C-alpha atoms as a PDB file:
ATOM      1  CA  UNK A   1      11.036  10.986   1.006  1.00  0.00           C
ATOM      2  CA  UNK A   2      13.951  13.246   0.342  1.00  0.00           C
ATOM      3  CA  UNK A   3      13.951  16.724  -1.074  1.00  0.00           C
ATOM      4  CA  UNK A   4      17.584  16.769  -2.157  1.00  0.00           C
ATOM      5  CA  UNK A   5      17.401  20.303  -3.510  1.00  0.00           C
ATOM      6  CA  UNK A   6      16.348  22.020  -0.302  1.00  0.00           C
ATOM      7  CA  UNK A   7      19.617  23.357   1.035  1.00  0.00           C
ATOM      8  CA  UNK A   8      22.122  22.686  -1.706  1.00  0.00           C
ATOM      9  CA  UNK A   9      24.706  25.412  -2.033  1.00  0.00           C
ATOM     10  CA  UNK A  10      24.725  24.993  -5.796  1.00  0.00           C
ATOM     11  CA  UNK A  11      22.608  23.297  -8.420  1.00  0.00           C
ATOM     12  CA  UNK A  12      22.531  19.555  -7.888  1.00  0.00           C
ATOM     13  CA  UNK A  13      24.943  17.757 -10.168  1.00  0.00           C
ATOM     14  CA  UNK A  14      23.237  15.169 -12.337  1.00  0.00           C
ATOM     15  CA  UNK A  15      25.494  12.720 -14.121  1.00  0.00           C
ATOM     16  CA  UNK A  16      25.557   9.494 -16.024  1.00  0.00           C
ATOM     17  CA  UNK A  17      28.629   7.409 -15.427  1.00  0.00           C
ATOM     18  CA  UNK A  18      30.197   5.467 -18.263  1.00  0.00           C
ATOM     19  CA  UNK A  19      29.054   2.190 -16.777  1.00  0.00           C
ATOM     20  CA  UNK A  20      25.387   1.082 -17.053  1.00  0.00           C
ATOM     21  CA  UNK A  21      23.712   1.309 -14.527  1.00  0.00           C
ATOM     22  CA  UNK A  22      -0.193 -34.187  19.289  1.00  0.00           C
ATOM     23  CA  UNK A  23      -1.041 -37.158  18.862  1.00  0.00           C
ATOM     24  CA  UNK A  24      -4.525 -38.659  18.428  1.00  0.00           C
ATOM     25  CA  UNK A  25      -6.124 -40.460  21.389  1.00  0.00           C
ATOM     26  CA  UNK A  26      -8.606 -43.150  20.331  1.00  0.00           C
ATOM     27  CA  UNK A  27     -11.179 -44.792  22.593  1.00  0.00           C
ATOM     28  CA  UNK A  28     -13.056 -47.901  21.407  1.00  0.00           C
ATOM     29  CA  UNK A  29     -15.629 -50.028  23.198  1.00  0.00           C
ATOM     30  CA  UNK A  30     -17.764 -53.027  22.282  1.00  0.00           C
ATOM     31  CA  UNK A  31     -21.504 -52.840  22.802  1.00  0.00           C
ATOM     32  CA  UNK A  32     -23.175 -55.871  24.330  1.00  0.00           C
ATOM     33  CA  UNK A  33     -25.170 -57.916  21.826  1.00  0.00           C
ATOM     34  CA  UNK A  34     -28.810 -56.955  21.628  1.00  0.00           C
ATOM     35  CA  UNK A  35     -31.616 -59.377  22.385  1.00  0.00           C
ATOM     36  CA  UNK A  36     -32.614 -59.525  18.752  1.00  0.00           C
ATOM     37  CA  UNK A  37     -32.580 -62.940  17.118  1.00  0.00           C
ATOM     38  CA  UNK A  38     -29.475 -62.022  15.156  1.00  0.00           C
ATOM     39  CA  UNK A  39     -27.140 -60.167  17.517  1.00  0.00           C
ATOM     40  CA  UNK A  40     -24.715 -57.823  15.853  1.00  0.00           C
ATOM     41  CA  UNK A  41     -21.541 -56.341  17.194  1.00  0.00           C
ATOM     42  CA  UNK A  42     -21.039 -52.624  16.663  1.00  0.00           C
ATOM     43  CA  UNK A  43     -18.030 -50.418  17.249  1.00  0.00           C
ATOM     44  CA  UNK A  44     -18.605 -46.715  17.915  1.00  0.00           C
ATOM     45  CA  UNK A  45     -16.858 -44.231  15.635  1.00  0.00           C
ATOM     46  CA  UNK A  46     -13.473 -43.171  16.961  1.00  0.00           C
ATOM     47  CA  UNK A  47     -13.362 -39.600  18.170  1.00  0.00           C
ATOM     48  CA  UNK A  48     -10.118 -37.799  17.494  1.00  0.00           C
ATOM     49  CA  UNK A  49      -8.824 -35.702  20.286  1.00  0.00           C
ATOM     50  CA  UNK A  50      -7.562 -32.468  18.732  1.00  0.00           C
ATOM     51  CA  UNK A  51      -3.987 -31.655  19.478  1.00  0.00           C
ATOM     52  CA  UNK A  52      -3.102 -28.044  19.947  1.00  0.00           C
ATOM     53  CA  UNK A  53       0.001 -27.229  17.991  1.00  0.00           C
ATOM     54  CA  UNK A  54       2.233 -24.916  19.883  1.00  0.00           C
ATOM     55  CA  UNK A  55       3.059 -21.962  17.720  1.00  0.00           C
ATOM     56  CA  UNK A  56       5.877 -19.675  18.565  1.00  0.00           C
ATOM     57  CA  UNK A  57       6.286 -16.485  16.579  1.00  0.00           C
ATOM     58  CA  UNK A  58       9.735 -15.007  16.455  1.00  0.00           C
ATOM     59  CA  UNK A  59       9.872 -11.916  18.633  1.00  0.00           C
ATOM     60  CA  UNK A  60       9.812  -8.675  16.664  1.00  0.00           C
ATOM     61  CA  UNK A  61      12.463  -6.213  17.728  1.00  0.00           C
ATOM     62  CA  UNK A  62      11.146  -2.833  18.663  1.00  0.00           C
ATOM     63  CA  UNK A  63      13.281   0.260  18.753  1.00  0.00           C
ATOM     64  CA  UNK A  64      12.362   3.755  19.804  1.00  0.00           C
ATOM     65  CA  UNK A  65      12.868   6.364  17.111  1.00  0.00           C
ATOM     66  CA  UNK A  66      15.580   8.928  17.678  1.00  0.00           C
ATOM     67  CA  UNK A  67      13.949  12.289  18.511  1.00  0.00           C
ATOM     68  CA  UNK A  68      13.943  14.856  15.719  1.00  0.00           C
ATOM     69  CA  UNK A  69      16.703  17.414  16.031  1.00  0.00           C
ATOM     70  CA  UNK A  70      19.106  15.061  17.805  1.00  0.00           C
ATOM     71  CA  UNK A  71      22.775  15.891  17.263  1.00  0.00           C
ATOM     72  CA  UNK A  72      24.945  12.789  16.966  1.00  0.00           C
ATOM     73  CA  UNK A  73      28.630  12.110  16.587  1.00  0.00           C
ATOM     74  CA  UNK A  74      30.098  10.369  13.566  1.00  0.00           C
ATOM     75  CA  UNK A  75      29.751   6.674  14.365  1.00  0.00           C
ATOM     76  CA  UNK A  76      26.566   7.078  16.428  1.00  0.00           C
ATOM     77  CA  UNK A  77      23.405   5.222  15.407  1.00  0.00           C
ATOM     78  CA  UNK A  78      19.944   6.706  14.929  1.00  0.00           C
ATOM     79  CA  UNK A  79      16.646   4.838  14.601  1.00  0.00           C
ATOM     80  CA  UNK A  80      14.074   6.189  12.146  1.00  0.00           C
ATOM     81  CA  UNK A  81      10.765   5.048  10.727  1.00  0.00           C
ATOM     82  CA  UNK A  82       9.982   6.041   7.159  1.00  0.00           C
ATOM     83  CA  UNK A  83       7.632   5.165   4.316  1.00  0.00           C
ATOM     84  CA  UNK A  84       9.175   3.133   1.528  1.00  0.00           C
ATOM     85  CA  UNK A  85       7.273   1.631  -1.403  1.00  0.00           C
ATOM     86  CA  UNK A  86       3.996   2.498   0.347  1.00  0.00           C
ATOM     87  CA  UNK A  87       4.945   0.554   3.453  1.00  0.00           C
ATOM     88  CA  UNK A  88       6.416   1.584   6.786  1.00  0.00           C
ATOM     89  CA  UNK A  89       9.922   0.450   7.627  1.00  0.00           C
ATOM     90  CA  UNK A  90      12.149   1.081  10.627  1.00  0.00           C
ATOM     91  CA  UNK A  91      15.905   1.191  10.169  1.00  0.00           C
ATOM     92  CA  UNK A  92      19.011   1.988  12.162  1.00  0.00           C
ATOM     93  CA  UNK A  93      21.259   4.499  10.416  1.00  0.00           C
ATOM     94  CA  UNK A  94      24.913   5.114  11.227  1.00  0.00           C
ATOM     95  CA  UNK A  95      27.089   7.688   9.502  1.00  0.00           C
ATOM     96  CA  UNK A  96      30.377   5.852   9.883  1.00  0.00           C
ATOM     97  CA  UNK A  97      32.793   8.287   8.248  1.00  0.00           C
ATOM     98  CA  UNK A  98      33.194  11.182   5.842  1.00  0.00           C
ATOM     99  CA  UNK A  99      36.063  10.753   3.391  1.00  0.00           C
ATOM    100  CA  UNK A 100      37.560  13.581   1.351  1.00  0.00           C
ATOM    101  CA  UNK A 101      37.969  12.701  -2.302  1.00  0.00           C
ATOM    102  CA  UNK A 102      39.883  14.374  -5.114  1.00  0.00           C
ATOM    103  CA  UNK A 103      38.683  16.499  -7.991  1.00  0.00           C
ATOM    104  CA  UNK A 104      40.327  13.944 -10.276  1.00  0.00           C
ATOM    105  CA  UNK A 105      37.788  11.364  -9.059  1.00  0.00           C
ATOM    106  CA  UNK A 106      35.235  13.202 -11.197  1.00  0.00           C
ATOM    107  CA  UNK A 107      37.330  13.130 -14.372  1.00  0.00           C
ATOM    108  CA  UNK A 108      35.460  10.299 -16.083  1.00  0.00           C
ATOM    109  CA  UNK A 109      32.031  11.739 -15.382  1.00  0.00           C
ATOM    110  CA  UNK A 110      30.184  13.836 -17.915  1.00  0.00           C
ATOM    111  CA  UNK A 111      29.953  17.019 -15.881  1.00  0.00           C
ATOM    112  CA  UNK A 112      29.538  20.461 -17.382  1.00  0.00           C
ATOM    113  CA  UNK A 113      31.316  22.087 -14.471  1.00  0.00           C
ATOM    114  CA  UNK A 114      35.087  22.435 -14.311  1.00  0.00           C
ATOM    115  CA  UNK A 115      36.001  19.584 -11.984  1.00  0.00           C
ATOM    116  CA  UNK A 116      38.955  21.559 -10.659  1.00  0.00           C
ATOM    117  CA  UNK A 117      36.451  23.830  -8.913  1.00  0.00           C
ATOM    118  CA  UNK A 118      34.671  20.908  -7.260  1.00  0.00           C
ATOM    119  CA  UNK A 119      35.626  18.927  -4.168  1.00  0.00           C
ATOM    120  CA  UNK A 120      33.883  15.576  -3.626  1.00  0.00           C
ATOM    121  CA  UNK A 121      33.318  14.106  -0.173  1.00  0.00           C
ATOM    122  CA  UNK A 122      32.040  10.602   0.461  1.00  0.00           C
ATOM    123  CA  UNK A 123      29.579  10.112   3.312  1.00  0.00           C
ATOM    124  CA  UNK A 124      29.508   6.451   4.310  1.00  0.00           C
ATOM    125  CA  UNK A 125      26.319   5.100   5.863  1.00  0.00           C
ATOM    126  CA  UNK A 126      25.444   1.736   7.393  1.00  0.00           C
ATOM    127  CA  UNK A 127      21.800   0.709   7.591  1.00  0.00           C
ATOM    128  CA  UNK A 128      20.306  -2.113   9.661  1.00  0.00           C
ATOM    129  CA  UNK A 129      16.732  -3.253   9.097  1.00  0.00           C
ATOM    130  CA  UNK A 130      14.632  -3.314  12.261  1.00  0.00           C
ATOM    131  CA  UNK A 131      11.211  -4.048  10.792  1.00  0.00           C
ATOM    132  CA  UNK A 132       9.262  -3.875   7.555  1.00  0.00           C
ATOM    133  CA  UNK A 133       9.948  -4.802   3.955  1.00  0.00           C
ATOM    134  CA  UNK A 134      12.970  -2.798   2.838  1.00  0.00           C
ATOM    135  CA  UNK A 135      14.033  -4.593  -0.331  1.00  0.00           C
ATOM    136  CA  UNK A 136      15.637  -1.995  -2.616  1.00  0.00           C
ATOM    137  CA  UNK A 137      15.911   0.674   0.090  1.00  0.00           C
ATOM    138  CA  UNK A 138      19.180   2.627   0.172  1.00  0.00           C
ATOM    139  CA  UNK A 139      20.009   3.757   3.724  1.00  0.00           C
ATOM    140  CA  UNK A 140      21.903   6.758   2.343  1.00  0.00           C
ATOM    141  CA  UNK A 141      18.962   8.036   0.316  1.00  0.00           C
ATOM    142  CA  UNK A 142      17.932  10.693   2.853  1.00  0.00           C
ATOM    143  CA  UNK A 143      21.448  11.587   4.005  1.00  0.00           C
ATOM    144  CA  UNK A 144      23.067  14.824   2.837  1.00  0.00           C
ATOM    145  CA  UNK A 145      26.406  16.402   3.633  1.00  0.00           C
ATOM    146  CA  UNK A 146      26.865  19.530   5.729  1.00  0.00           C
ATOM    147  CA  UNK A 147      29.536  22.148   5.254  1.00  0.00           C
ATOM    148  CA  UNK A 148      29.415  24.208   8.404  1.00  0.00           C
ATOM    149  CA  UNK A 149      25.803  25.325   8.690  1.00  0.00           C
ATOM    150  CA  UNK A 150      25.173  24.957   4.960  1.00  0.00           C
ATOM    151  CA  UNK A 151      24.253  21.954   2.899  1.00  0.00           C
ATOM    152  CA  UNK A 152      26.484  20.328   0.320  1.00  0.00           C
ATOM    153  CA  UNK A 153      25.243  19.390  -3.154  1.00  0.00           C
ATOM    154  CA  UNK A 154      24.468  15.690  -3.601  1.00  0.00           C
ATOM    155  CA  UNK A 155      25.897  14.124  -6.721  1.00  0.00           C
ATOM    156  CA  UNK A 156      23.070  12.141  -8.301  1.00  0.00           C
ATOM    157  CA  UNK A 157      24.590   9.195 -10.101  1.00  0.00           C
ATOM    158  CA  UNK A 158      22.678   6.990 -12.528  1.00  0.00           C
ATOM    159  CA  UNK A 159      25.628   4.731 -13.180  1.00  0.00           C
ATOM    160  CA  UNK A 160      28.580   3.343 -11.292  1.00  0.00           C
ATOM    161  CA  UNK A 161      30.885   5.641  -9.357  1.00  0.00           C
ATOM    162  CA  UNK A 162      33.593   3.497  -7.827  1.00  0.00           C
ATOM    163  CA  UNK A 163      34.838   5.891  -5.116  1.00  0.00           C
ATOM    164  CA  UNK A 164      31.387   5.981  -3.507  1.00  0.00           C
ATOM    165  CA  UNK A 165      28.907   3.278  -4.458  1.00  0.00           C
ATOM    166  CA  UNK A 166      25.369   3.244  -3.157  1.00  0.00           C
ATOM    167  CA  UNK A 167      23.913  -0.068  -2.022  1.00  0.00           C
ATOM    168  CA  UNK A 168      20.368  -1.268  -1.348  1.00  0.00           C
ATOM    169  CA  UNK A 169      18.845  -3.883   0.909  1.00  0.00           C
ATOM    170  CA  UNK A 170      18.281  -7.202  -0.858  1.00  0.00           C
ATOM    171  CA  UNK A 171      14.712  -8.039  -1.859  1.00  0.00           C
ATOM    172  CA  UNK A 172      14.512 -10.715   0.850  1.00  0.00           C
ATOM    173  CA  UNK A 173      16.063  -8.559   3.588  1.00  0.00           C
ATOM    174  CA  UNK A 174      15.089  -9.568   7.115  1.00  0.00           C
ATOM    175  CA  UNK A 175      15.337  -7.732  10.440  1.00  0.00           C
ATOM    176  CA  UNK A 176      18.971  -7.650  11.491  1.00  0.00           C
ATOM    177  CA  UNK A 177      20.310  -7.511   7.928  1.00  0.00           C
ATOM    178  CA  UNK A 178      22.734  -4.678   7.242  1.00  0.00           C
ATOM    179  CA  UNK A 179      23.977  -2.846   4.177  1.00  0.00           C
ATOM    180  CA  UNK A 180      26.789  -0.344   3.701  1.00  0.00           C
ATOM    181  CA  UNK A 181      26.107   2.524   1.337  1.00  0.00           C
ATOM    182  CA  UNK A 182      27.658   5.835   0.346  1.00  0.00           C
ATOM    183  CA  UNK A 183      26.514   9.219  -0.928  1.00  0.00           C
ATOM    184  CA  UNK A 184      28.755  11.675  -2.779  1.00  0.00           C
ATOM    185  CA  UNK A 185      28.513  15.292  -1.656  1.00  0.00           C
ATOM    186  CA  UNK A 186      30.057  18.184  -3.595  1.00  0.00           C
ATOM    187  CA  UNK A 187      31.346  21.527  -2.338  1.00  0.00           C
ATOM    188  CA  UNK A 188      33.537  24.181  -3.888  1.00  0.00           C
ATOM    189  CA  UNK A 189      37.264  23.570  -3.849  1.00  0.00           C
ATOM    190  CA  UNK A 190      38.670  24.640  -0.499  1.00  0.00           C
ATOM    191  CA  UNK A 191      35.457  23.936   1.427  1.00  0.00           C
ATOM    192  CA  UNK A 192      34.886  20.874   3.604  1.00  0.00           C
ATOM    193  CA  UNK A 193      32.014  18.522   4.283  1.00  0.00           C
ATOM    194  CA  UNK A 194      32.265  18.199   8.048  1.00  0.00           C
ATOM    195  CA  UNK A 195      28.908  16.698   8.907  1.00  0.00           C
ATOM    196  CA  UNK A 196      25.824  14.910   7.635  1.00  0.00           C
ATOM    197  CA  UNK A 197      22.085  15.333   7.948  1.00  0.00           C
ATOM    198  CA  UNK A 198      19.083  13.005   7.777  1.00  0.00           C
ATOM    199  CA  UNK A 199      15.992  14.780   6.452  1.00  0.00           C
ATOM    200  CA  UNK A 200      12.787  12.974   5.466  1.00  0.00           C
ATOM    201  CA  UNK A 201      10.039  15.119   3.944  1.00  0.00           C
ATOM    202  CA  UNK A 202       6.616  15.240   5.599  1.00  0.00           C
ATOM    203  CA  UNK A 203       7.972  13.805   8.851  1.00  0.00           C
ATOM    204  CA  UNK A 204       9.310  15.255  12.081  1.00  0.00           C
ATOM    205  CA  UNK A 205      12.748  15.076  10.439  1.00  0.00           C
ATOM    206  CA  UNK A 206      11.825  17.393   7.556  1.00  0.00           C
ATOM    207  CA  UNK A 207      14.502  20.072   7.280  1.00  0.00           C
ATOM    208  CA  UNK A 208      11.847  22.701   6.476  1.00  0.00           C
ATOM    209  CA  UNK A 209       8.869  21.735   8.650  1.00  0.00           C
ATOM    210  CA  UNK A 210      10.678  19.744  11.328  1.00  0.00           C
ATOM    211  CA  UNK A 211      14.150  19.121  12.677  1.00  0.00           C
ATOM    212  CA  UNK A 212      16.604  16.833  10.869  1.00  0.00           C
ATOM    213  CA  UNK A 213      19.102  14.565  12.573  1.00  0.00           C
ATOM    214  CA  UNK A 214      22.724  15.650  12.289  1.00  0.00           C
ATOM    215  CA  UNK A 215      26.094  13.947  12.660  1.00  0.00           C
ATOM    216  CA  UNK A 216      29.315  15.865  13.347  1.00  0.00           C
END
């Protein structure tokens, strides 16, 4: 999956927030009595006619993956297939907006850096399950911010961060289910996060060995 440290402009910020984280057809016939002294009447065993139960499987939606290196606009949707929990899933990903936060948003977090030198941006992502078992998958997990042609630093949060909360698919998620998630990206004060990138290691979308998807 993701190598979050690949193009970060600064060391990734690791924090712990204050909050914990047919029917049967029967045929019967009577045999004529035999010529034995004591005639007996016999009835042949009924033969059940098997009924074929019509089975109709729900059609599985197929979607063609977005080619690696595709440049999209904010609000456009990409289709990707990735490995999650040792199984293959296909999801639709949409970067819906990039919201500029305030340095003060970071005040309650235990960061060693001076928050006045940091500018948070919130990249909002919507994921829709196309196929596979995606329970627990966060559609923003492989999304990073872009600042010009450089990468922003993802803020890895092991607690609750109200301005930008990540969300996962429910354990019983079915094709067509959607989830809205968010990833916090940090740049130096005065810089902007003006785009986003999807990079999945060891795939055609790998930022080092392939071509990631980008949104601007």
